[in-house]
Amino acid sequence: MSADHVFTALASPARRELLRLLLDEGAQPAGRLAERFDMSRPSVSEHLKVLKDAGLVAETRQGRERHYRLEAAPLMEIRDWLTPYERFWRERLTALTALLDEMEDEDDSRTDG
């Protein structure tokens, strides 16, 4: 699945919450997931379909129920894409920390004198 599909799926707070629930609590039937949201069951099912189409969840049928489980592999692609940006921000934050420490040292030397 393309990264665009994954980013689109992750854009919704409801879908991110569904993924969190599946991560924290494991595979669950759609009905149990729907109980956790203040929206109709068909709306939750539509969110699950978007996640499934993006490859982020897998669906299995057990009798009349559809059970969903997290499929984290597409998130690895996103992580790989984000890694250079993480390094960028880490370097920026390190430089900011150094600047603030330097400013604090200058301020301390002014107040000591």
PDB file of N, CA and C in Angstrom:
ATOM      1  N   MET A   1       0.847  -1.178   0.000  1.00  0.00           N
ATOM      2  CA  MET A   1       0.000   0.000   0.000  1.00  0.00           C
ATOM      3  C   MET A   1       0.885   1.231   0.000  1.00  0.00           C
ATOM      4  N   SER A   2       0.428   2.308  -0.615  1.00  0.00           N
ATOM      5  CA  SER A   2       1.252   3.505  -0.722  1.00  0.00           C
ATOM      6  C   SER A   2       1.255   4.300   0.580  1.00  0.00           C
ATOM      7  N   ALA A   3       2.317   5.069   0.745  1.00  0.00           N
ATOM      8  CA  ALA A   3       2.431   5.914   1.932  1.00  0.00           C
ATOM      9  C   ALA A   3       1.296   6.929   1.973  1.00  0.00           C
ATOM     10  N   ASP A   4       0.842   7.386   0.808  1.00  0.00           N
ATOM     11  CA  ASP A   4      -0.267   8.346   0.768  1.00  0.00           C
ATOM     12  C   ASP A   4      -1.517   7.769   1.426  1.00  0.00           C
ATOM     13  N   HIS A   5      -1.813   6.495   1.150  1.00  0.00           N
ATOM     14  CA  HIS A   5      -2.975   5.853   1.764  1.00  0.00           C
ATOM     15  C   HIS A   5      -2.824   5.774   3.283  1.00  0.00           C
ATOM     16  N   VAL A   6      -1.616   5.478   3.718  1.00  0.00           N
ATOM     17  CA  VAL A   6      -1.372   5.360   5.155  1.00  0.00           C
ATOM     18  C   VAL A   6      -1.517   6.727   5.819  1.00  0.00           C
ATOM     19  N   PHE A   7      -0.908   7.763   5.225  1.00  0.00           N
ATOM     20  CA  PHE A   7      -1.037   9.104   5.799  1.00  0.00           C
ATOM     21  C   PHE A   7      -2.494   9.551   5.823  1.00  0.00           C
ATOM     22  N   THR A   8      -3.241   9.256   4.767  1.00  0.00           N
ATOM     23  CA  THR A   8      -4.660   9.616   4.729  1.00  0.00           C
ATOM     24  C   THR A   8      -5.411   8.904   5.852  1.00  0.00           C
ATOM     25  N   ALA A   9      -5.113   7.631   6.042  1.00  0.00           N
ATOM     26  CA  ALA A   9      -5.778   6.870   7.105  1.00  0.00           C
ATOM     27  C   ALA A   9      -5.425   7.430   8.480  1.00  0.00           C
ATOM     28  N   LEU A  10      -4.187   7.847   8.657  1.00  0.00           N
ATOM     29  CA  LEU A  10      -3.744   8.353   9.956  1.00  0.00           C
ATOM     30  C   LEU A  10      -4.210   9.784  10.229  1.00  0.00           C
ATOM     31  N   ALA A  11      -4.747  10.445   9.228  1.00  0.00           N
ATOM     32  CA  ALA A  11      -5.168  11.839   9.388  1.00  0.00           C
ATOM     33  C   ALA A  11      -6.343  11.989  10.342  1.00  0.00           C
ATOM     34  N   SER A  12      -7.135  10.956  10.510  1.00  0.00           N
ATOM     35  CA  SER A  12      -8.327  11.024  11.354  1.00  0.00           C
ATOM     36  C   SER A  12      -8.015  10.633  12.793  1.00  0.00           C
ATOM     37  N   PRO A  13      -8.379  11.486  13.759  1.00  0.00           N
ATOM     38  CA  PRO A  13      -8.188  11.117  15.170  1.00  0.00           C
ATOM     39  C   PRO A  13      -8.941   9.829  15.541  1.00  0.00           C
ATOM     40  N   ALA A  14     -10.096   9.616  14.967  1.00  0.00           N
ATOM     41  CA  ALA A  14     -10.863   8.393  15.269  1.00  0.00           C
ATOM     42  C   ALA A  14     -10.101   7.157  14.795  1.00  0.00           C
ATOM     43  N   ARG A  15      -9.501   7.235  13.623  1.00  0.00           N
ATOM     44  CA  ARG A  15      -8.752   6.077  13.111  1.00  0.00           C
ATOM     45  C   ARG A  15      -7.477   5.856  13.925  1.00  0.00           C
ATOM     46  N   ARG A  16      -6.827   6.943  14.348  1.00  0.00           N
ATOM     47  CA  ARG A  16      -5.648   6.778  15.211  1.00  0.00           C
ATOM     48  C   ARG A  16      -6.047   6.129  16.527  1.00  0.00           C
ATOM     49  N   GLU A  17      -7.215   6.495  17.054  1.00  0.00           N
ATOM     50  CA  GLU A  17      -7.692   5.882  18.302  1.00  0.00           C
ATOM     51  C   GLU A  17      -8.012   4.401  18.089  1.00  0.00           C
ATOM     52  N   LEU A  18      -8.592   4.062  16.963  1.00  0.00           N
ATOM     53  CA  LEU A  18      -8.849   2.646  16.660  1.00  0.00           C
ATOM     54  C   LEU A  18      -7.542   1.864  16.642  1.00  0.00           C
ATOM     55  N   LEU A  19      -6.523   2.417  16.011  1.00  0.00           N
ATOM     56  CA  LEU A  19      -5.223   1.740  15.977  1.00  0.00           C
ATOM     57  C   LEU A  19      -4.640   1.593  17.390  1.00  0.00           C
ATOM     58  N   ARG A  20      -4.787   2.641  18.198  1.00  0.00           N
ATOM     59  CA  ARG A  20      -4.283   2.571  19.573  1.00  0.00           C
ATOM     60  C   ARG A  20      -4.987   1.473  20.360  1.00  0.00           C
ATOM     61  N   LEU A  21      -6.310   1.389  20.196  1.00  0.00           N
ATOM     62  CA  LEU A  21      -7.060   0.346  20.892  1.00  0.00           C
ATOM     63  C   LEU A  21      -6.594  -1.044  20.466  1.00  0.00           C
ATOM     64  N   LEU A  22      -6.384  -1.233  19.177  1.00  0.00           N
ATOM     65  CA  LEU A  22      -5.933  -2.535  18.690  1.00  0.00           C
ATOM     66  C   LEU A  22      -4.516  -2.841  19.155  1.00  0.00           C
ATOM     67  N   LEU A  23      -3.688  -1.824  19.258  1.00  0.00           N
ATOM     68  CA  LEU A  23      -2.332  -2.015  19.766  1.00  0.00           C
ATOM     69  C   LEU A  23      -2.362  -2.387  21.245  1.00  0.00           C
ATOM     70  N   ASP A  24      -3.115  -1.625  22.020  1.00  0.00           N
ATOM     71  CA  ASP A  24      -3.136  -1.825  23.473  1.00  0.00           C
ATOM     72  C   ASP A  24      -3.912  -3.064  23.905  1.00  0.00           C
ATOM     73  N   GLU A  25      -5.004  -3.363  23.199  1.00  0.00           N
ATOM     74  CA  GLU A  25      -5.923  -4.404  23.666  1.00  0.00           C
ATOM     75  C   GLU A  25      -5.996  -5.624  22.756  1.00  0.00           C
ATOM     76  N   GLY A  26      -5.323  -5.591  21.628  1.00  0.00           N
ATOM     77  CA  GLY A  26      -5.324  -6.726  20.723  1.00  0.00           C
ATOM     78  C   GLY A  26      -6.555  -6.767  19.830  1.00  0.00           C
ATOM     79  N   ALA A  27      -6.644  -7.839  19.066  1.00  0.00           N
ATOM     80  CA  ALA A  27      -7.730  -8.013  18.098  1.00  0.00           C
ATOM     81  C   ALA A  27      -9.081  -7.973  18.803  1.00  0.00           C
ATOM     82  N   GLN A  28     -10.052  -7.366  18.115  1.00  0.00           N
ATOM     83  CA  GLN A  28     -11.379  -7.199  18.704  1.00  0.00           C
ATOM     84  C   GLN A  28     -12.438  -7.217  17.616  1.00  0.00           C
ATOM     85  N   PRO A  29     -13.658  -7.586  17.992  1.00  0.00           N
ATOM     86  CA  PRO A  29     -14.756  -7.482  17.033  1.00  0.00           C
ATOM     87  C   PRO A  29     -15.130  -6.016  16.812  1.00  0.00           C
ATOM     88  N   ALA A  30     -15.664  -5.739  15.647  1.00  0.00           N
ATOM     89  CA  ALA A  30     -16.046  -4.371  15.289  1.00  0.00           C
ATOM     90  C   ALA A  30     -17.020  -3.782  16.301  1.00  0.00           C
ATOM     91  N   GLY A  31     -17.949  -4.583  16.778  1.00  0.00           N
ATOM     92  CA  GLY A  31     -18.939  -4.093  17.736  1.00  0.00           C
ATOM     93  C   GLY A  31     -18.314  -3.598  19.024  1.00  0.00           C
ATOM     94  N   ARG A  32     -17.324  -4.312  19.526  1.00  0.00           N
ATOM     95  CA  ARG A  32     -16.658  -3.892  20.761  1.00  0.00           C
ATOM     96  C   ARG A  32     -15.891  -2.590  20.530  1.00  0.00           C
ATOM     97  N   LEU A  33     -15.267  -2.475  19.373  1.00  0.00           N
ATOM     98  CA  LEU A  33     -14.571  -1.230  19.043  1.00  0.00           C
ATOM     99  C   LEU A  33     -15.564  -0.074  18.948  1.00  0.00           C
ATOM    100  N   ALA A  34     -16.699  -0.320  18.307  1.00  0.00           N
ATOM    101  CA  ALA A  34     -17.700   0.729  18.107  1.00  0.00           C
ATOM    102  C   ALA A  34     -18.243   1.244  19.434  1.00  0.00           C
ATOM    103  N   GLU A  35     -18.325   0.380  20.427  1.00  0.00           N
ATOM    104  CA  GLU A  35     -18.831   0.791  21.749  1.00  0.00           C
ATOM    105  C   GLU A  35     -17.971   1.873  22.381  1.00  0.00           C
ATOM    106  N   ARG A  36     -16.732   1.989  21.964  1.00  0.00           N
ATOM    107  CA  ARG A  36     -15.784   2.930  22.562  1.00  0.00           C
ATOM    108  C   ARG A  36     -15.892   4.340  21.976  1.00  0.00           C
ATOM    109  N   PHE A  37     -16.759   4.495  20.972  1.00  0.00           N
ATOM    110  CA  PHE A  37     -16.843   5.774  20.268  1.00  0.00           C
ATOM    111  C   PHE A  37     -18.238   6.369  20.371  1.00  0.00           C
ATOM    112  N   ASP A  38     -18.286   7.677  20.338  1.00  0.00           N
ATOM    113  CA  ASP A  38     -19.546   8.399  20.349  1.00  0.00           C
ATOM    114  C   ASP A  38     -19.952   8.686  18.902  1.00  0.00           C
ATOM    115  N   MET A  39     -20.115   7.616  18.151  1.00  0.00           N
ATOM    116  CA  MET A  39     -20.562   7.706  16.762  1.00  0.00           C
ATOM    117  C   MET A  39     -21.272   6.407  16.424  1.00  0.00           C
ATOM    118  N   SER A  40     -21.986   6.417  15.320  1.00  0.00           N
ATOM    119  CA  SER A  40     -22.748   5.229  14.941  1.00  0.00           C
ATOM    120  C   SER A  40     -21.807   4.079  14.576  1.00  0.00           C
ATOM    121  N   ARG A  41     -22.313   2.874  14.716  1.00  0.00           N
ATOM    122  CA  ARG A  41     -21.518   1.704  14.349  1.00  0.00           C
ATOM    123  C   ARG A  41     -21.136   1.725  12.865  1.00  0.00           C
ATOM    124  N   PRO A  42     -22.054   2.138  11.938  1.00  0.00           N
ATOM    125  CA  PRO A  42     -21.639   2.232  10.530  1.00  0.00           C
ATOM    126  C   PRO A  42     -20.485   3.226  10.311  1.00  0.00           C
ATOM    127  N   SER A  43     -20.452   4.299  11.099  1.00  0.00           N
ATOM    128  CA  SER A  43     -19.345   5.252  10.978  1.00  0.00           C
ATOM    129  C   SER A  43     -18.031   4.616  11.406  1.00  0.00           C
ATOM    130  N   VAL A  44     -18.061   3.873  12.501  1.00  0.00           N
ATOM    131  CA  VAL A  44     -16.854   3.175  12.958  1.00  0.00           C
ATOM    132  C   VAL A  44     -16.442   2.143  11.908  1.00  0.00           C
ATOM    133  N   SER A  45     -17.409   1.440  11.337  1.00  0.00           N
ATOM    134  CA  SER A  45     -17.107   0.459  10.286  1.00  0.00           C
ATOM    135  C   SER A  45     -16.446   1.125   9.080  1.00  0.00           C
ATOM    136  N   GLU A  46     -16.878   2.333   8.747  1.00  0.00           N
ATOM    137  CA  GLU A  46     -16.259   3.050   7.629  1.00  0.00           C
ATOM    138  C   GLU A  46     -14.803   3.410   7.957  1.00  0.00           C
ATOM    139  N   HIS A  47     -14.554   3.818   9.185  1.00  0.00           N
ATOM    140  CA  HIS A  47     -13.168   4.100   9.601  1.00  0.00           C
ATOM    141  C   HIS A  47     -12.327   2.826   9.535  1.00  0.00           C
ATOM    142  N   LEU A  48     -12.889   1.712   9.973  1.00  0.00           N
ATOM    143  CA  LEU A  48     -12.161   0.440   9.901  1.00  0.00           C
ATOM    144  C   LEU A  48     -11.872   0.049   8.461  1.00  0.00           C
ATOM    145  N   LYS A  49     -12.790   0.336   7.561  1.00  0.00           N
ATOM    146  CA  LYS A  49     -12.576   0.044   6.135  1.00  0.00           C
ATOM    147  C   LYS A  49     -11.413   0.866   5.583  1.00  0.00           C
ATOM    148  N   VAL A  50     -11.336   2.141   5.955  1.00  0.00           N
ATOM    149  CA  VAL A  50     -10.223   2.986   5.501  1.00  0.00           C
ATOM    150  C   VAL A  50      -8.902   2.420   6.019  1.00  0.00           C
ATOM    151  N   LEU A  51      -8.885   2.016   7.290  1.00  0.00           N
ATOM    152  CA  LEU A  51      -7.674   1.423   7.860  1.00  0.00           C
ATOM    153  C   LEU A  51      -7.315   0.120   7.160  1.00  0.00           C
ATOM    154  N   LYS A  52      -8.314  -0.668   6.852  1.00  0.00           N
ATOM    155  CA  LYS A  52      -8.085  -1.936   6.147  1.00  0.00           C
ATOM    156  C   LYS A  52      -7.547  -1.674   4.742  1.00  0.00           C
ATOM    157  N   ASP A  53      -8.142  -0.730   4.028  1.00  0.00           N
ATOM    158  CA  ASP A  53      -7.686  -0.398   2.678  1.00  0.00           C
ATOM    159  C   ASP A  53      -6.247   0.122   2.674  1.00  0.00           C
ATOM    160  N   ALA A  54      -5.842   0.758   3.762  1.00  0.00           N
ATOM    161  CA  ALA A  54      -4.471   1.263   3.884  1.00  0.00           C
ATOM    162  C   ALA A  54      -3.505   0.180   4.359  1.00  0.00           C
ATOM    163  N   GLY A  55      -4.033  -1.012   4.674  1.00  0.00           N
ATOM    164  CA  GLY A  55      -3.193  -2.113   5.132  1.00  0.00           C
ATOM    165  C   GLY A  55      -2.833  -2.038   6.603  1.00  0.00           C
ATOM    166  N   LEU A  56      -3.496  -1.149   7.356  1.00  0.00           N
ATOM    167  CA  LEU A  56      -3.160  -0.964   8.770  1.00  0.00           C
ATOM    168  C   LEU A  56      -3.904  -1.913   9.704  1.00  0.00           C
ATOM    169  N   VAL A  57      -4.984  -2.501   9.238  1.00  0.00           N
ATOM    170  CA  VAL A  57      -5.691  -3.521  10.009  1.00  0.00           C
ATOM    171  C   VAL A  57      -6.038  -4.678   9.085  1.00  0.00           C
ATOM    172  N   ALA A  58      -6.163  -5.834   9.677  1.00  0.00           N
ATOM    173  CA  ALA A  58      -6.623  -7.018   8.960  1.00  0.00           C
ATOM    174  C   ALA A  58      -7.961  -7.423   9.551  1.00  0.00           C
ATOM    175  N   GLU A  59      -8.796  -7.967   8.707  1.00  0.00           N
ATOM    176  CA  GLU A  59     -10.154  -8.359   9.118  1.00  0.00           C
ATOM    177  C   GLU A  59     -10.322  -9.863   8.932  1.00  0.00           C
ATOM    178  N   THR A  60     -10.890 -10.496   9.947  1.00  0.00           N
ATOM    179  CA  THR A  60     -11.261 -11.905   9.829  1.00  0.00           C
ATOM    180  C   THR A  60     -12.700 -12.040  10.303  1.00  0.00           C
ATOM    181  N   ARG A  61     -13.391 -13.001   9.719  1.00  0.00           N
ATOM    182  CA  ARG A  61     -14.773 -13.261  10.129  1.00  0.00           C
ATOM    183  C   ARG A  61     -14.792 -14.441  11.076  1.00  0.00           C
ATOM    184  N   GLN A  62     -15.546 -14.263  12.149  1.00  0.00           N
ATOM    185  CA  GLN A  62     -15.782 -15.347  13.100  1.00  0.00           C
ATOM    186  C   GLN A  62     -17.290 -15.382  13.310  1.00  0.00           C
ATOM    187  N   GLY A  63     -17.932 -16.286  12.599  1.00  0.00           N
ATOM    188  CA  GLY A  63     -19.391 -16.323  12.622  1.00  0.00           C
ATOM    189  C   GLY A  63     -19.934 -15.081  11.947  1.00  0.00           C
ATOM    190  N   ARG A  64     -20.794 -14.374  12.642  1.00  0.00           N
ATOM    191  CA  ARG A  64     -21.366 -13.150  12.084  1.00  0.00           C
ATOM    192  C   ARG A  64     -20.512 -11.923  12.371  1.00  0.00           C
ATOM    193  N   GLU A  65     -19.490 -12.072  13.203  1.00  0.00           N
ATOM    194  CA  GLU A  65     -18.663 -10.934  13.606  1.00  0.00           C
ATOM    195  C   GLU A  65     -17.439 -10.775  12.720  1.00  0.00           C
ATOM    196  N   ARG A  66     -17.044  -9.521  12.578  1.00  0.00           N
ATOM    197  CA  ARG A  66     -15.779  -9.203  11.921  1.00  0.00           C
ATOM    198  C   ARG A  66     -14.811  -8.772  13.012  1.00  0.00           C
ATOM    199  N   HIS A  67     -13.687  -9.447  13.055  1.00  0.00           N
ATOM    200  CA  HIS A  67     -12.655  -9.121  14.042  1.00  0.00           C
ATOM    201  C   HIS A  67     -11.521  -8.394  13.330  1.00  0.00           C
ATOM    202  N   TYR A  68     -10.978  -7.393  14.011  1.00  0.00           N
ATOM    203  CA  TYR A  68      -9.905  -6.588  13.441  1.00  0.00           C
ATOM    204  C   TYR A  68      -8.671  -6.695  14.306  1.00  0.00           C
ATOM    205  N   ARG A  69      -7.520  -6.697  13.645  1.00  0.00           N
ATOM    206  CA  ARG A  69      -6.241  -6.704  14.344  1.00  0.00           C
ATOM    207  C   ARG A  69      -5.300  -5.725  13.646  1.00  0.00           C
ATOM    208  N   LEU A  70      -4.374  -5.198  14.402  1.00  0.00           N
ATOM    209  CA  LEU A  70      -3.406  -4.237  13.895  1.00  0.00           C
ATOM    210  C   LEU A  70      -2.425  -4.918  12.955  1.00  0.00           C
ATOM    211  N   GLU A  71      -2.128  -4.260  11.867  1.00  0.00           N
ATOM    212  CA  GLU A  71      -1.074  -4.668  10.937  1.00  0.00           C
ATOM    213  C   GLU A  71      -0.094  -3.499  10.883  1.00  0.00           C
ATOM    214  N   ALA A  72       1.012  -3.597  11.589  1.00  0.00           N
ATOM    215  CA  ALA A  72       1.905  -2.461  11.766  1.00  0.00           C
ATOM    216  C   ALA A  72       2.917  -2.269  10.643  1.00  0.00           C
ATOM    217  N   ALA A  73       3.044  -3.207   9.723  1.00  0.00           N
ATOM    218  CA  ALA A  73       4.070  -3.104   8.679  1.00  0.00           C
ATOM    219  C   ALA A  73       4.023  -1.782   7.911  1.00  0.00           C
ATOM    220  N   PRO A  74       2.838  -1.289   7.508  1.00  0.00           N
ATOM    221  CA  PRO A  74       2.839  -0.010   6.777  1.00  0.00           C
ATOM    222  C   PRO A  74       3.382   1.152   7.608  1.00  0.00           C
ATOM    223  N   LEU A  75       3.304   1.043   8.916  1.00  0.00           N
ATOM    224  CA  LEU A  75       3.843   2.104   9.765  1.00  0.00           C
ATOM    225  C   LEU A  75       5.366   2.141   9.711  1.00  0.00           C
ATOM    226  N   MET A  76       5.989   1.008   9.406  1.00  0.00           N
ATOM    227  CA  MET A  76       7.444   0.967   9.275  1.00  0.00           C
ATOM    228  C   MET A  76       7.886   1.836   8.095  1.00  0.00           C
ATOM    229  N   GLU A  77       7.131   1.796   6.992  1.00  0.00           N
ATOM    230  CA  GLU A  77       7.456   2.635   5.839  1.00  0.00           C
ATOM    231  C   GLU A  77       7.383   4.107   6.219  1.00  0.00           C
ATOM    232  N   ILE A  78       6.358   4.466   6.987  1.00  0.00           N
ATOM    233  CA  ILE A  78       6.200   5.844   7.424  1.00  0.00           C
ATOM    234  C   ILE A  78       7.348   6.224   8.348  1.00  0.00           C
ATOM    235  N   ARG A  79       7.712   5.331   9.246  1.00  0.00           N
ATOM    236  CA  ARG A  79       8.839   5.596  10.143  1.00  0.00           C
ATOM    237  C   ARG A  79      10.114   5.827   9.346  1.00  0.00           C
ATOM    238  N   ASP A  80      10.339   4.995   8.341  1.00  0.00           N
ATOM    239  CA  ASP A  80      11.531   5.150   7.515  1.00  0.00           C
ATOM    240  C   ASP A  80      11.527   6.502   6.800  1.00  0.00           C
ATOM    241  N   TRP A  81      10.346   6.934   6.364  1.00  0.00           N
ATOM    242  CA  TRP A  81      10.229   8.207   5.674  1.00  0.00           C
ATOM    243  C   TRP A  81      10.472   9.370   6.641  1.00  0.00           C
ATOM    244  N   LEU A  82      10.019   9.215   7.891  1.00  0.00           N
ATOM    245  CA  LEU A  82      10.128  10.286   8.884  1.00  0.00           C
ATOM    246  C   LEU A  82      11.505  10.387   9.542  1.00  0.00           C
ATOM    247  N   THR A  83      12.302   9.343   9.480  1.00  0.00           N
ATOM    248  CA  THR A  83      13.583   9.302  10.188  1.00  0.00           C
ATOM    249  C   THR A  83      14.478  10.505   9.886  1.00  0.00           C
ATOM    250  N   PRO A  84      14.664  10.913   8.627  1.00  0.00           N
ATOM    251  CA  PRO A  84      15.512  12.094   8.390  1.00  0.00           C
ATOM    252  C   PRO A  84      14.967  13.353   9.073  1.00  0.00           C
ATOM    253  N   TYR A  85      13.663  13.480   9.141  1.00  0.00           N
ATOM    254  CA  TYR A  85      13.066  14.642   9.789  1.00  0.00           C
ATOM    255  C   TYR A  85      13.259  14.581  11.297  1.00  0.00           C
ATOM    256  N   GLU A  86      13.233  13.391  11.851  1.00  0.00           N
ATOM    257  CA  GLU A  86      13.486  13.233  13.274  1.00  0.00           C
ATOM    258  C   GLU A  86      14.907  13.682  13.600  1.00  0.00           C
ATOM    259  N   ARG A  87      15.872  13.292  12.757  1.00  0.00           N
ATOM    260  CA  ARG A  87      17.260  13.717  12.952  1.00  0.00           C
ATOM    261  C   ARG A  87      17.349  15.242  12.858  1.00  0.00           C
ATOM    262  N   PHE A  88      16.650  15.819  11.875  1.00  0.00           N
ATOM    263  CA  PHE A  88      16.642  17.266  11.694  1.00  0.00           C
ATOM    264  C   PHE A  88      16.183  17.958  12.969  1.00  0.00           C
ATOM    265  N   TRP A  89      15.047  17.537  13.525  1.00  0.00           N
ATOM    266  CA  TRP A  89      14.515  18.188  14.715  1.00  0.00           C
ATOM    267  C   TRP A  89      15.373  17.914  15.943  1.00  0.00           C
ATOM    268  N   ARG A  90      15.947  16.734  16.025  1.00  0.00           N
ATOM    269  CA  ARG A  90      16.829  16.442  17.156  1.00  0.00           C
ATOM    270  C   ARG A  90      18.043  17.371  17.131  1.00  0.00           C
ATOM    271  N   GLU A  91      18.619  17.579  15.940  1.00  0.00           N
ATOM    272  CA  GLU A  91      19.757  18.487  15.803  1.00  0.00           C
ATOM    273  C   GLU A  91      19.348  19.919  16.149  1.00  0.00           C
ATOM    274  N   ARG A  92      18.170  20.333  15.707  1.00  0.00           N
ATOM    275  CA  ARG A  92      17.682  21.681  16.019  1.00  0.00           C
ATOM    276  C   ARG A  92      17.491  21.864  17.522  1.00  0.00           C
ATOM    277  N   LEU A  93      16.899  20.867  18.174  1.00  0.00           N
ATOM    278  CA  LEU A  93      16.666  20.959  19.613  1.00  0.00           C
ATOM    279  C   LEU A  93      17.976  20.947  20.395  1.00  0.00           C
ATOM    280  N   THR A  94      18.949  20.179  19.916  1.00  0.00           N
ATOM    281  CA  THR A  94      20.264  20.164  20.566  1.00  0.00           C
ATOM    282  C   THR A  94      20.916  21.531  20.442  1.00  0.00           C
ATOM    283  N   ALA A  95      20.831  22.149  19.258  1.00  0.00           N
ATOM    284  CA  ALA A  95      21.391  23.487  19.056  1.00  0.00           C
ATOM    285  C   ALA A  95      20.666  24.512  19.928  1.00  0.00           C
ATOM    286  N   LEU A  96      19.359  24.404  20.044  1.00  0.00           N
ATOM    287  CA  LEU A  96      18.592  25.316  20.890  1.00  0.00           C
ATOM    288  C   LEU A  96      18.996  25.163  22.350  1.00  0.00           C
ATOM    289  N   THR A  97      19.156  23.926  22.806  1.00  0.00           N
ATOM    290  CA  THR A  97      19.585  23.679  24.181  1.00  0.00           C
ATOM    291  C   THR A  97      20.946  24.302  24.433  1.00  0.00           C
ATOM    292  N   ALA A  98      21.855  24.126  23.482  1.00  0.00           N
ATOM    293  CA  ALA A  98      23.192  24.712  23.633  1.00  0.00           C
ATOM    294  C   ALA A  98      23.107  26.234  23.693  1.00  0.00           C
ATOM    295  N   LEU A  99      22.292  26.843  22.853  1.00  0.00           N
ATOM    296  CA  LEU A  99      22.121  28.293  22.847  1.00  0.00           C
ATOM    297  C   LEU A  99      21.535  28.777  24.173  1.00  0.00           C
ATOM    298  N   LEU A 100      20.522  28.093  24.677  1.00  0.00           N
ATOM    299  CA  LEU A 100      19.915  28.481  25.952  1.00  0.00           C
ATOM    300  C   LEU A 100      20.903  28.331  27.102  1.00  0.00           C
ATOM    301  N   ASP A 101      21.698  27.265  27.075  1.00  0.00           N
ATOM    302  CA  ASP A 101      22.721  27.083  28.109  1.00  0.00           C
ATOM    303  C   ASP A 101      23.742  28.204  28.053  1.00  0.00           C
ATOM    304  N   GLU A 102      24.136  28.583  26.851  1.00  0.00           N
ATOM    305  CA  GLU A 102      25.099  29.668  26.665  1.00  0.00           C
ATOM    306  C   GLU A 102      24.511  30.983  27.174  1.00  0.00           C
ATOM    307  N   MET A 103      23.257  31.250  26.853  1.00  0.00           N
ATOM    308  CA  MET A 103      22.599  32.475  27.311  1.00  0.00           C
ATOM    309  C   MET A 103      22.497  32.491  28.839  1.00  0.00           C
ATOM    310  N   GLU A 104      22.205  31.349  29.430  1.00  0.00           N
ATOM    311  CA  GLU A 104      22.111  31.251  30.887  1.00  0.00           C
ATOM    312  C   GLU A 104      23.468  31.510  31.534  1.00  0.00           C
ATOM    313  N   ASP A 105      24.526  30.946  30.916  1.00  0.00           N
ATOM    314  CA  ASP A 105      25.874  31.162  31.445  1.00  0.00           C
ATOM    315  C   ASP A 105      26.248  32.638  31.372  1.00  0.00           C
ATOM    316  N   GLU A 106      25.898  33.311  30.266  1.00  0.00           N
ATOM    317  CA  GLU A 106      26.176  34.743  30.119  1.00  0.00           C
ATOM    318  C   GLU A 106      25.399  35.544  31.156  1.00  0.00           C
ATOM    319  N   ASP A 107      24.150  35.167  31.379  1.00  0.00           N
ATOM    320  CA  ASP A 107      23.317  35.848  32.365  1.00  0.00           C
ATOM    321  C   ASP A 107      23.886  35.666  33.760  1.00  0.00           C
ATOM    322  N   ASP A 108      24.329  34.426  34.058  1.00  0.00           N
ATOM    323  CA  ASP A 108      24.932  34.154  35.374  1.00  0.00           C
ATOM    324  C   ASP A 108      26.210  34.971  35.576  1.00  0.00           C
ATOM    325  N   SER A 109      27.022  35.114  34.543  1.00  0.00           N
ATOM    326  CA  SER A 109      28.278  35.859  34.686  1.00  0.00           C
ATOM    327  C   SER A 109      28.006  37.336  34.884  1.00  0.00           C
ATOM    328  N   ARG A 110      26.933  37.876  34.335  1.00  0.00           N
ATOM    329  CA  ARG A 110      26.562  39.282  34.534  1.00  0.00           C
ATOM    330  C   ARG A 110      26.076  39.528  35.954  1.00  0.00           C
ATOM    331  N   THR A 111      25.304  38.588  36.498  1.00  0.00           N
ATOM    332  CA  THR A 111      24.767  38.774  37.843  1.00  0.00           C
ATOM    333  C   THR A 111      25.811  38.511  38.924  1.00  0.00           C
ATOM    334  N   ASP A 112      26.846  37.731  38.595  1.00  0.00           N
ATOM    335  CA  ASP A 112      27.914  37.455  39.568  1.00  0.00           C
ATOM    336  C   ASP A 112      28.866  38.630  39.691  1.00  0.00           C
ATOM    337  N   GLY A 113      28.974  39.434  38.668  1.00  0.00           N
ATOM    338  CA  GLY A 113      29.983  40.498  38.627  1.00  0.00           C
ATOM    339  C   GLY A 113      29.513  41.716  39.200  1.00  0.00           C
TER     340      GLY A 113
END
